[in-house]
Amino acid sequence: ATDVAAWEAAVKPTTKLMFIETPS
């Protein structure tokens, strides 16, 4: 939830939605 770089690395051509709870 807190590693922005991990979100960037997980992106694929088919990525359409990113979902978070904050605070979790």
PDB file of all heavy atoms in Angstrom:
ATOM      1  N   ALA A   1       0.816  -1.215   0.000  1.00  0.00           N
ATOM      2  CA  ALA A   1       0.000   0.000   0.000  1.00  0.00           C
ATOM      3  C   ALA A   1       0.848   1.263   0.000  1.00  0.00           C
ATOM      4  O   ALA A   1       0.388   2.327  -0.422  1.00  0.00           O
ATOM      5  CB  ALA A   1      -0.917   0.005   1.228  1.00  0.00           C
ATOM      6  N   THR A   2       2.090   1.150   0.444  1.00  0.00           N
ATOM      7  CA  THR A   2       2.909   2.341   0.666  1.00  0.00           C
ATOM      8  C   THR A   2       4.107   2.459  -0.271  1.00  0.00           C
ATOM      9  O   THR A   2       4.812   3.463  -0.225  1.00  0.00           O
ATOM     10  CB  THR A   2       3.426   2.348   2.119  1.00  0.00           C
ATOM     11  OG1 THR A   2       4.212   1.163   2.358  1.00  0.00           O
ATOM     12  CG2 THR A   2       2.264   2.367   3.102  1.00  0.00           C
ATOM     13  N   ASP A   3       4.333   1.486  -1.131  1.00  0.00           N
ATOM     14  CA  ASP A   3       5.494   1.483  -2.034  1.00  0.00           C
ATOM     15  C   ASP A   3       5.046   1.896  -3.434  1.00  0.00           C
ATOM     16  O   ASP A   3       4.588   1.068  -4.226  1.00  0.00           O
ATOM     17  CB  ASP A   3       6.134   0.095  -2.050  1.00  0.00           C
ATOM     18  CG  ASP A   3       7.419   0.039  -2.854  1.00  0.00           C
ATOM     19  OD1 ASP A   3       7.761   1.042  -3.517  1.00  0.00           O
ATOM     20  OD2 ASP A   3       8.080  -1.016  -2.839  1.00  0.00           O
ATOM     21  N   VAL A   4       5.195   3.168  -3.753  1.00  0.00           N
ATOM     22  CA  VAL A   4       4.731   3.682  -5.046  1.00  0.00           C
ATOM     23  C   VAL A   4       5.465   2.999  -6.195  1.00  0.00           C
ATOM     24  O   VAL A   4       4.877   2.698  -7.243  1.00  0.00           O
ATOM     25  CB  VAL A   4       4.917   5.211  -5.109  1.00  0.00           C
ATOM     26  CG1 VAL A   4       4.536   5.744  -6.489  1.00  0.00           C
ATOM     27  CG2 VAL A   4       4.069   5.885  -4.036  1.00  0.00           C
ATOM     28  N   ALA A   5       6.730   2.703  -5.998  1.00  0.00           N
ATOM     29  CA  ALA A   5       7.520   2.043  -7.042  1.00  0.00           C
ATOM     30  C   ALA A   5       6.960   0.664  -7.375  1.00  0.00           C
ATOM     31  O   ALA A   5       7.006   0.224  -8.533  1.00  0.00           O
ATOM     32  CB  ALA A   5       8.974   1.928  -6.613  1.00  0.00           C
ATOM     33  N   ALA A   6       6.416  -0.022  -6.371  1.00  0.00           N
ATOM     34  CA  ALA A   6       5.830  -1.344  -6.606  1.00  0.00           C
ATOM     35  C   ALA A   6       4.594  -1.233  -7.489  1.00  0.00           C
ATOM     36  O   ALA A   6       4.332  -2.117  -8.313  1.00  0.00           O
ATOM     37  CB  ALA A   6       5.473  -2.001  -5.277  1.00  0.00           C
ATOM     38  N   TRP A   7       3.827  -0.173  -7.342  1.00  0.00           N
ATOM     39  CA  TRP A   7       2.656   0.052  -8.196  1.00  0.00           C
ATOM     40  C   TRP A   7       3.108   0.311  -9.634  1.00  0.00           C
ATOM     41  O   TRP A   7       2.523  -0.224 -10.582  1.00  0.00           O
ATOM     42  CB  TRP A   7       1.835   1.225  -7.676  1.00  0.00           C
ATOM     43  CG  TRP A   7       1.143   0.945  -6.383  1.00  0.00           C
ATOM     44  CD1 TRP A   7       1.706   0.944  -5.138  1.00  0.00           C
ATOM     45  CD2 TRP A   7      -0.227   0.601  -6.186  1.00  0.00           C
ATOM     46  NE1 TRP A   7       0.767   0.623  -4.184  1.00  0.00           N
ATOM     47  CE2 TRP A   7      -0.423   0.420  -4.796  1.00  0.00           C
ATOM     48  CE3 TRP A   7      -1.309   0.448  -7.039  1.00  0.00           C
ATOM     49  CZ2 TRP A   7      -1.664   0.081  -4.256  1.00  0.00           C
ATOM     50  CZ3 TRP A   7      -2.552   0.113  -6.506  1.00  0.00           C
ATOM     51  CH2 TRP A   7      -2.723  -0.076  -5.131  1.00  0.00           C
ATOM     52  N   GLU A   8       4.140   1.110  -9.793  1.00  0.00           N
ATOM     53  CA  GLU A   8       4.659   1.390 -11.135  1.00  0.00           C
ATOM     54  C   GLU A   8       5.146   0.113 -11.799  1.00  0.00           C
ATOM     55  O   GLU A   8       4.900  -0.130 -12.993  1.00  0.00           O
ATOM     56  CB  GLU A   8       5.792   2.409 -11.047  1.00  0.00           C
ATOM     57  CG  GLU A   8       5.350   3.803 -10.646  1.00  0.00           C
ATOM     58  CD  GLU A   8       6.498   4.771 -10.532  1.00  0.00           C
ATOM     59  OE1 GLU A   8       7.497   4.424  -9.864  1.00  0.00           O
ATOM     60  OE2 GLU A   8       6.418   5.865 -11.118  1.00  0.00           O
ATOM     61  N   ALA A   9       5.837  -0.731 -11.025  1.00  0.00           N
ATOM     62  CA  ALA A   9       6.390  -1.969 -11.573  1.00  0.00           C
ATOM     63  C   ALA A   9       5.307  -2.975 -11.933  1.00  0.00           C
ATOM     64  O   ALA A   9       5.519  -3.840 -12.794  1.00  0.00           O
ATOM     65  CB  ALA A   9       7.362  -2.590 -10.563  1.00  0.00           C
ATOM     66  N   ALA A  10       4.140  -2.880 -11.293  1.00  0.00           N
ATOM     67  CA  ALA A  10       3.063  -3.844 -11.527  1.00  0.00           C
ATOM     68  C   ALA A  10       2.201  -3.503 -12.736  1.00  0.00           C
ATOM     69  O   ALA A  10       1.372  -4.311 -13.162  1.00  0.00           O
ATOM     70  CB  ALA A  10       2.180  -3.938 -10.288  1.00  0.00           C
ATOM     71  N   VAL A  11       2.391  -2.322 -13.318  1.00  0.00           N
ATOM     72  CA  VAL A  11       1.565  -1.895 -14.446  1.00  0.00           C
ATOM     73  C   VAL A  11       1.792  -2.787 -15.663  1.00  0.00           C
ATOM     74  O   VAL A  11       2.913  -3.140 -16.004  1.00  0.00           O
ATOM     75  CB  VAL A  11       1.855  -0.424 -14.806  1.00  0.00           C
ATOM     76  CG1 VAL A  11       1.168  -0.038 -16.123  1.00  0.00           C
ATOM     77  CG2 VAL A  11       1.391   0.500 -13.684  1.00  0.00           C
ATOM     78  N   LYS A  12       0.677  -3.158 -16.308  1.00  0.00           N
ATOM     79  CA  LYS A  12       0.702  -3.939 -17.540  1.00  0.00           C
ATOM     80  C   LYS A  12      -0.063  -3.180 -18.622  1.00  0.00           C
ATOM     81  O   LYS A  12      -0.807  -2.231 -18.301  1.00  0.00           O
ATOM     82  CB  LYS A  12       0.033  -5.312 -17.325  1.00  0.00           C
ATOM     83  CG  LYS A  12       0.693  -6.200 -16.298  1.00  0.00           C
ATOM     84  CD  LYS A  12      -0.060  -7.527 -16.203  1.00  0.00           C
ATOM     85  CE  LYS A  12       0.606  -8.481 -15.213  1.00  0.00           C
ATOM     86  NZ  LYS A  12      -0.100  -9.790 -15.175  1.00  0.00           N
ATOM     87  N   PRO A  13       0.077  -3.566 -19.864  1.00  0.00           N
ATOM     88  CA  PRO A  13      -0.726  -2.924 -20.918  1.00  0.00           C
ATOM     89  C   PRO A  13      -2.225  -3.046 -20.686  1.00  0.00           C
ATOM     90  O   PRO A  13      -3.003  -2.217 -21.166  1.00  0.00           O
ATOM     91  CB  PRO A  13      -0.298  -3.673 -22.186  1.00  0.00           C
ATOM     92  CG  PRO A  13       1.070  -4.177 -21.888  1.00  0.00           C
ATOM     93  CD  PRO A  13       1.064  -4.511 -20.426  1.00  0.00           C
ATOM     94  N   THR A  14      -2.629  -4.075 -19.943  1.00  0.00           N
ATOM     95  CA  THR A  14      -4.062  -4.309 -19.698  1.00  0.00           C
ATOM     96  C   THR A  14      -4.549  -3.699 -18.383  1.00  0.00           C
ATOM     97  O   THR A  14      -5.711  -3.891 -18.002  1.00  0.00           O
ATOM     98  CB  THR A  14      -4.350  -5.811 -19.671  1.00  0.00           C
ATOM     99  OG1 THR A  14      -3.476  -6.441 -18.710  1.00  0.00           O
ATOM    100  CG2 THR A  14      -4.135  -6.430 -21.041  1.00  0.00           C
ATOM    101  N   THR A  15      -3.684  -2.980 -17.651  1.00  0.00           N
ATOM    102  CA  THR A  15      -4.079  -2.392 -16.375  1.00  0.00           C
ATOM    103  C   THR A  15      -5.122  -1.301 -16.594  1.00  0.00           C
ATOM    104  O   THR A  15      -4.886  -0.334 -17.312  1.00  0.00           O
ATOM    105  CB  THR A  15      -2.862  -1.798 -15.639  1.00  0.00           C
ATOM    106  OG1 THR A  15      -1.892  -2.823 -15.417  1.00  0.00           O
ATOM    107  CG2 THR A  15      -3.289  -1.210 -14.301  1.00  0.00           C
ATOM    108  N   LYS A  16      -6.280  -1.453 -15.963  1.00  0.00           N
ATOM    109  CA  LYS A  16      -7.366  -0.487 -16.109  1.00  0.00           C
ATOM    110  C   LYS A  16      -7.764   0.171 -14.785  1.00  0.00           C
ATOM    111  O   LYS A  16      -8.354   1.250 -14.790  1.00  0.00           O
ATOM    112  CB  LYS A  16      -8.605  -1.178 -16.698  1.00  0.00           C
ATOM    113  CG  LYS A  16      -8.428  -1.670 -18.127  1.00  0.00           C
ATOM    114  CD  LYS A  16      -8.278  -0.521 -19.109  1.00  0.00           C
ATOM    115  CE  LYS A  16      -8.073  -1.021 -20.528  1.00  0.00           C
ATOM    116  NZ  LYS A  16      -9.229  -1.803 -21.019  1.00  0.00           N
ATOM    117  N   LEU A  17      -7.453  -0.488 -13.666  1.00  0.00           N
ATOM    118  CA  LEU A  17      -7.915   0.026 -12.377  1.00  0.00           C
ATOM    119  C   LEU A  17      -6.850  -0.197 -11.312  1.00  0.00           C
ATOM    120  O   LEU A  17      -6.217  -1.251 -11.258  1.00  0.00           O
ATOM    121  CB  LEU A  17      -9.210  -0.683 -11.955  1.00  0.00           C
ATOM    122  CG  LEU A  17      -9.828  -0.262 -10.612  1.00  0.00           C
ATOM    123  CD1 LEU A  17     -10.389   1.163 -10.696  1.00  0.00           C
ATOM    124  CD2 LEU A  17     -10.922  -1.243 -10.184  1.00  0.00           C
ATOM    125  N   MET A  18      -6.666   0.825 -10.462  1.00  0.00           N
ATOM    126  CA  MET A  18      -5.838   0.702  -9.264  1.00  0.00           C
ATOM    127  C   MET A  18      -6.748   0.970  -8.068  1.00  0.00           C
ATOM    128  O   MET A  18      -7.534   1.921  -8.077  1.00  0.00           O
ATOM    129  CB  MET A  18      -4.674   1.689  -9.320  1.00  0.00           C
ATOM    130  CG  MET A  18      -3.685   1.364 -10.430  1.00  0.00           C
ATOM    131  SD  MET A  18      -2.496   2.695 -10.802  1.00  0.00           S
ATOM    132  CE  MET A  18      -1.829   3.039  -9.182  1.00  0.00           C
ATOM    133  N   PHE A  19      -6.656   0.111  -7.048  1.00  0.00           N
ATOM    134  CA  PHE A  19      -7.618   0.178  -5.939  1.00  0.00           C
ATOM    135  C   PHE A  19      -6.885   0.176  -4.605  1.00  0.00           C
ATOM    136  O   PHE A  19      -6.068  -0.706  -4.329  1.00  0.00           O
ATOM    137  CB  PHE A  19      -8.577  -1.014  -5.995  1.00  0.00           C
ATOM    138  CG  PHE A  19      -9.744  -0.888  -5.058  1.00  0.00           C
ATOM    139  CD1 PHE A  19     -10.931  -0.327  -5.494  1.00  0.00           C
ATOM    140  CD2 PHE A  19      -9.649  -1.299  -3.742  1.00  0.00           C
ATOM    141  CE1 PHE A  19     -12.011  -0.192  -4.627  1.00  0.00           C
ATOM    142  CE2 PHE A  19     -10.709  -1.170  -2.863  1.00  0.00           C
ATOM    143  CZ  PHE A  19     -11.901  -0.615  -3.313  1.00  0.00           C
ATOM    144  N   ILE A  20      -7.210   1.181  -3.765  1.00  0.00           N
ATOM    145  CA  ILE A  20      -6.593   1.272  -2.440  1.00  0.00           C
ATOM    146  C   ILE A  20      -7.640   1.597  -1.382  1.00  0.00           C
ATOM    147  O   ILE A  20      -8.700   2.148  -1.675  1.00  0.00           O
ATOM    148  CB  ILE A  20      -5.490   2.356  -2.374  1.00  0.00           C
ATOM    149  CG1 ILE A  20      -6.047   3.736  -2.748  1.00  0.00           C
ATOM    150  CG2 ILE A  20      -4.311   1.984  -3.235  1.00  0.00           C
ATOM    151  CD1 ILE A  20      -5.072   4.874  -2.516  1.00  0.00           C
ATOM    152  N   GLU A  21      -7.314   1.236  -0.137  1.00  0.00           N
ATOM    153  CA  GLU A  21      -7.969   1.767   1.051  1.00  0.00           C
ATOM    154  C   GLU A  21      -6.922   2.616   1.760  1.00  0.00           C
ATOM    155  O   GLU A  21      -5.793   2.162   1.936  1.00  0.00           O
ATOM    156  CB  GLU A  21      -8.380   0.659   2.025  1.00  0.00           C
ATOM    157  CG  GLU A  21      -9.423  -0.282   1.545  1.00  0.00           C
ATOM    158  CD  GLU A  21      -9.587  -1.460   2.535  1.00  0.00           C
ATOM    159  OE1 GLU A  21      -8.905  -1.449   3.588  1.00  0.00           O
ATOM    160  OE2 GLU A  21     -10.359  -2.360   2.235  1.00  0.00           O
ATOM    161  N   THR A  22      -7.274   3.801   2.149  1.00  0.00           N
ATOM    162  CA  THR A  22      -6.338   4.591   2.945  1.00  0.00           C
ATOM    163  C   THR A  22      -7.104   5.478   3.907  1.00  0.00           C
ATOM    164  O   THR A  22      -7.949   6.256   3.473  1.00  0.00           O
ATOM    165  CB  THR A  22      -5.364   5.410   2.060  1.00  0.00           C
ATOM    166  OG1 THR A  22      -4.437   6.104   2.899  1.00  0.00           O
ATOM    167  CG2 THR A  22      -6.059   6.375   1.119  1.00  0.00           C
ATOM    168  N   PRO A  23      -6.852   5.304   5.220  1.00  0.00           N
ATOM    169  CA  PRO A  23      -6.014   4.290   5.843  1.00  0.00           C
ATOM    170  C   PRO A  23      -6.577   2.882   5.595  1.00  0.00           C
ATOM    171  O   PRO A  23      -7.764   2.715   5.387  1.00  0.00           O
ATOM    172  CB  PRO A  23      -6.055   4.640   7.329  1.00  0.00           C
ATOM    173  CG  PRO A  23      -6.460   6.079   7.379  1.00  0.00           C
ATOM    174  CD  PRO A  23      -7.376   6.268   6.209  1.00  0.00           C
ATOM    175  N   SER A  24      -5.677   1.903   5.663  1.00  0.00           N
ATOM    176  CA  SER A  24      -6.073   0.537   5.344  1.00  0.00           C
ATOM    177  C   SER A  24      -6.734  -0.149   6.530  1.00  0.00           C
ATOM    178  O   SER A  24      -6.581   0.266   7.679  1.00  0.00           O
ATOM    179  CB  SER A  24      -4.843  -0.268   4.903  1.00  0.00           C
ATOM    180  OG  SER A  24      -3.966  -0.465   6.002  1.00  0.00           O
TER     181      SER A  24
END
